[in-house]
Amino acid sequence: MTNDERMTNSEVRKARADDSFWDDGAGLVREEAETKRVYDLEERTARFGEAIIDFAKTIPQNPVTSRIISQLIGAGTSVGANYLEADDAVSKKEFLKNIGTCRKEGRETKQPELKPQARRLWLEAKELHLIFSKIWRNK
């Protein structure tokens, strides 16, 4: 019995819609999301880090791209790690420091050199940066 057989039709459609961001198909990319994502930031940043790693594996290795790839992977995966640190912070000062790092790493992940090749990841990095900026400003 597959996962789809245990789910109702509406649950299957919703699950596919939630995963459509990560679909490798050549779909239409819009600047604004059609629906708001419902999963939490811990899950979202983990998926983002995994997608960054998968994308980095597709970039041809040469002296020019080698530094960009390592910087992209470092920044993309540290967003989630710093969010977890912020979530476990014991003081407001520590929370703001870690959320500030999330903002910086999210912004750093938006590599302009790679934007045409990775538009969906660029948009997700932009959204994460905006989310963490809002959290940082409101605390």
Protein backbone atom coordinates (compact mmCIF):
# COMPACT_ATOMS: atom_id res chain seq x y z
CA MET A 1 0.00 0.00 0.00
CA THR A 2 1.56 3.30 -1.07
CA ASN A 3 1.30 6.59 0.75
CA ASP A 4 -1.15 7.87 -1.90
CA GLU A 5 -3.54 4.98 -1.18
CA ARG A 6 -3.76 5.95 2.51
CA MET A 7 -4.51 9.58 1.72
CA THR A 8 -7.73 11.11 0.51
CA ASN A 9 -7.75 12.75 -2.92
CA SER A 10 -7.65 16.24 -1.44
CA GLU A 11 -4.70 15.28 0.79
CA VAL A 12 -2.82 13.89 -2.22
CA ARG A 13 -3.45 17.09 -4.22
CA LYS A 14 -2.34 19.23 -1.28
CA ALA A 15 0.82 17.16 -0.78
CA ARG A 16 1.69 17.45 -4.47
CA ALA A 17 1.04 21.20 -4.39
CA ASP A 18 3.31 21.57 -1.32
CA ASP A 19 6.09 19.67 -3.08
CA SER A 20 5.67 21.47 -6.39
CA PHE A 21 8.40 23.97 -5.38
CA TRP A 22 10.91 21.14 -5.42
CA ASP A 23 9.62 19.55 -8.62
CA ASP A 24 12.39 19.26 -11.21
CA GLY A 25 9.95 19.71 -14.09
CA ALA A 26 10.18 22.72 -16.35
CA GLY A 27 7.24 24.63 -14.92
CA LEU A 28 6.38 28.28 -15.01
CA VAL A 29 8.22 30.30 -12.39
CA ARG A 30 6.36 33.23 -10.88
CA GLU A 31 7.76 36.03 -8.75
CA GLU A 32 4.98 35.64 -6.17
CA ALA A 33 3.88 32.30 -4.75
CA GLU A 34 0.35 31.26 -5.75
CA THR A 35 -0.30 29.71 -2.35
CA LYS A 36 1.39 30.17 0.97
CA ARG A 37 3.54 27.29 2.14
CA VAL A 38 2.20 25.66 5.28
CA TYR A 39 5.23 23.78 6.62
CA ASP A 40 7.25 25.28 9.43
CA LEU A 41 10.58 27.08 9.08
CA GLU A 42 12.55 24.12 10.42
CA GLU A 43 11.21 21.90 7.64
CA ARG A 44 11.46 24.65 5.04
CA THR A 45 15.09 25.48 5.80
CA ALA A 46 16.00 21.76 5.82
CA ARG A 47 14.42 21.29 2.39
CA PHE A 48 16.18 24.42 1.16
CA GLY A 49 19.57 23.12 2.31
CA GLU A 50 18.95 19.77 0.61
CA ALA A 51 17.88 21.49 -2.61
CA ILE A 52 21.01 23.67 -2.55
CA ILE A 53 23.21 20.58 -2.21
CA ASP A 54 21.39 18.81 -5.06
CA PHE A 55 21.71 21.89 -7.27
CA ALA A 56 25.41 22.31 -6.45
CA LYS A 57 26.05 18.75 -7.63
CA THR A 58 24.79 19.76 -11.09
CA ILE A 59 27.24 22.67 -11.47
CA PRO A 60 30.35 21.74 -13.46
CA GLN A 61 33.48 21.91 -11.29
CA ASN A 62 36.22 24.24 -12.53
CA PRO A 63 38.50 26.81 -10.88
CA VAL A 64 35.92 29.58 -11.30
CA THR A 65 32.89 27.70 -9.96
CA SER A 66 34.67 25.80 -7.19
CA ARG A 67 34.64 28.73 -4.74
CA ILE A 68 31.06 29.66 -5.67
CA ILE A 69 29.88 26.09 -5.07
CA SER A 70 31.48 25.85 -1.63
CA GLN A 71 30.14 29.28 -0.65
CA LEU A 72 26.67 28.37 -1.93
CA ILE A 73 26.57 25.09 0.01
CA GLY A 74 27.96 26.69 3.16
CA ALA A 75 25.47 29.56 3.16
CA GLY A 76 22.48 27.47 2.03
CA THR A 77 22.89 24.79 4.66
CA SER A 78 23.76 27.15 7.51
CA VAL A 79 20.39 28.92 7.24
CA GLY A 80 18.68 25.89 8.78
CA ALA A 81 21.40 25.29 11.35
CA ASN A 82 21.28 28.89 12.55
CA TYR A 83 17.48 28.81 12.66
CA LEU A 84 17.64 25.76 14.95
CA GLU A 85 20.15 27.61 17.16
CA ALA A 86 17.83 30.63 17.29
CA ASP A 87 14.88 28.42 18.14
CA ASP A 88 16.82 27.00 21.10
CA ALA A 89 18.19 30.37 22.25
CA VAL A 90 18.04 31.07 25.97
CA SER A 91 18.06 34.87 25.67
CA LYS A 92 16.64 37.48 23.36
CA LYS A 93 20.16 38.65 22.50
CA GLU A 94 21.20 35.14 21.44
CA PHE A 95 17.96 34.73 19.44
CA LEU A 96 18.51 38.00 17.56
CA LYS A 97 22.14 37.12 16.84
CA ASN A 98 21.18 33.77 15.31
CA ILE A 99 18.23 35.16 13.34
CA GLY A 100 20.56 37.90 12.06
CA THR A 101 22.94 35.18 10.86
CA CYS A 102 20.01 33.45 9.11
CA ARG A 103 19.28 36.73 7.31
CA LYS A 104 22.89 37.12 6.20
CA GLU A 105 23.23 33.53 5.02
CA GLY A 106 19.90 33.68 3.18
CA ARG A 107 21.01 36.82 1.39
CA GLU A 108 24.40 35.27 0.60
CA THR A 109 22.69 32.25 -0.96
CA LYS A 110 21.10 34.47 -3.62
CA GLN A 111 24.08 34.12 -5.95
CA PRO A 112 23.66 36.52 -8.87
CA GLU A 113 26.05 34.46 -10.99
CA LEU A 114 23.72 31.46 -10.75
CA LYS A 115 20.34 33.20 -10.90
CA PRO A 116 19.36 32.15 -14.46
CA GLN A 117 20.14 28.50 -13.70
CA ALA A 118 18.49 28.36 -10.30
CA ARG A 119 15.60 30.80 -10.33
CA ARG A 120 13.42 28.74 -7.96
CA LEU A 121 16.20 28.42 -5.39
CA TRP A 122 16.94 32.12 -5.71
CA LEU A 123 13.29 32.93 -5.02
CA GLU A 124 13.23 30.62 -1.99
CA ALA A 125 16.43 32.24 -0.65
CA LYS A 126 14.80 35.63 -1.14
CA GLU A 127 11.66 34.54 0.73
CA LEU A 128 13.70 33.07 3.60
CA HIS A 129 15.74 36.27 3.82
CA LEU A 130 12.55 38.34 4.00
CA ILE A 131 11.05 36.03 6.65
CA PHE A 132 14.13 36.23 8.87
CA SER A 133 14.40 40.00 8.32
CA LYS A 134 10.82 40.44 9.52
CA ILE A 135 11.45 38.25 12.58
CA TRP A 136 14.65 40.16 13.36
CA ARG A 137 12.99 43.58 13.03
CA ASN A 138 9.97 42.65 15.17
CA LYS A 139 11.86 41.33 18.19
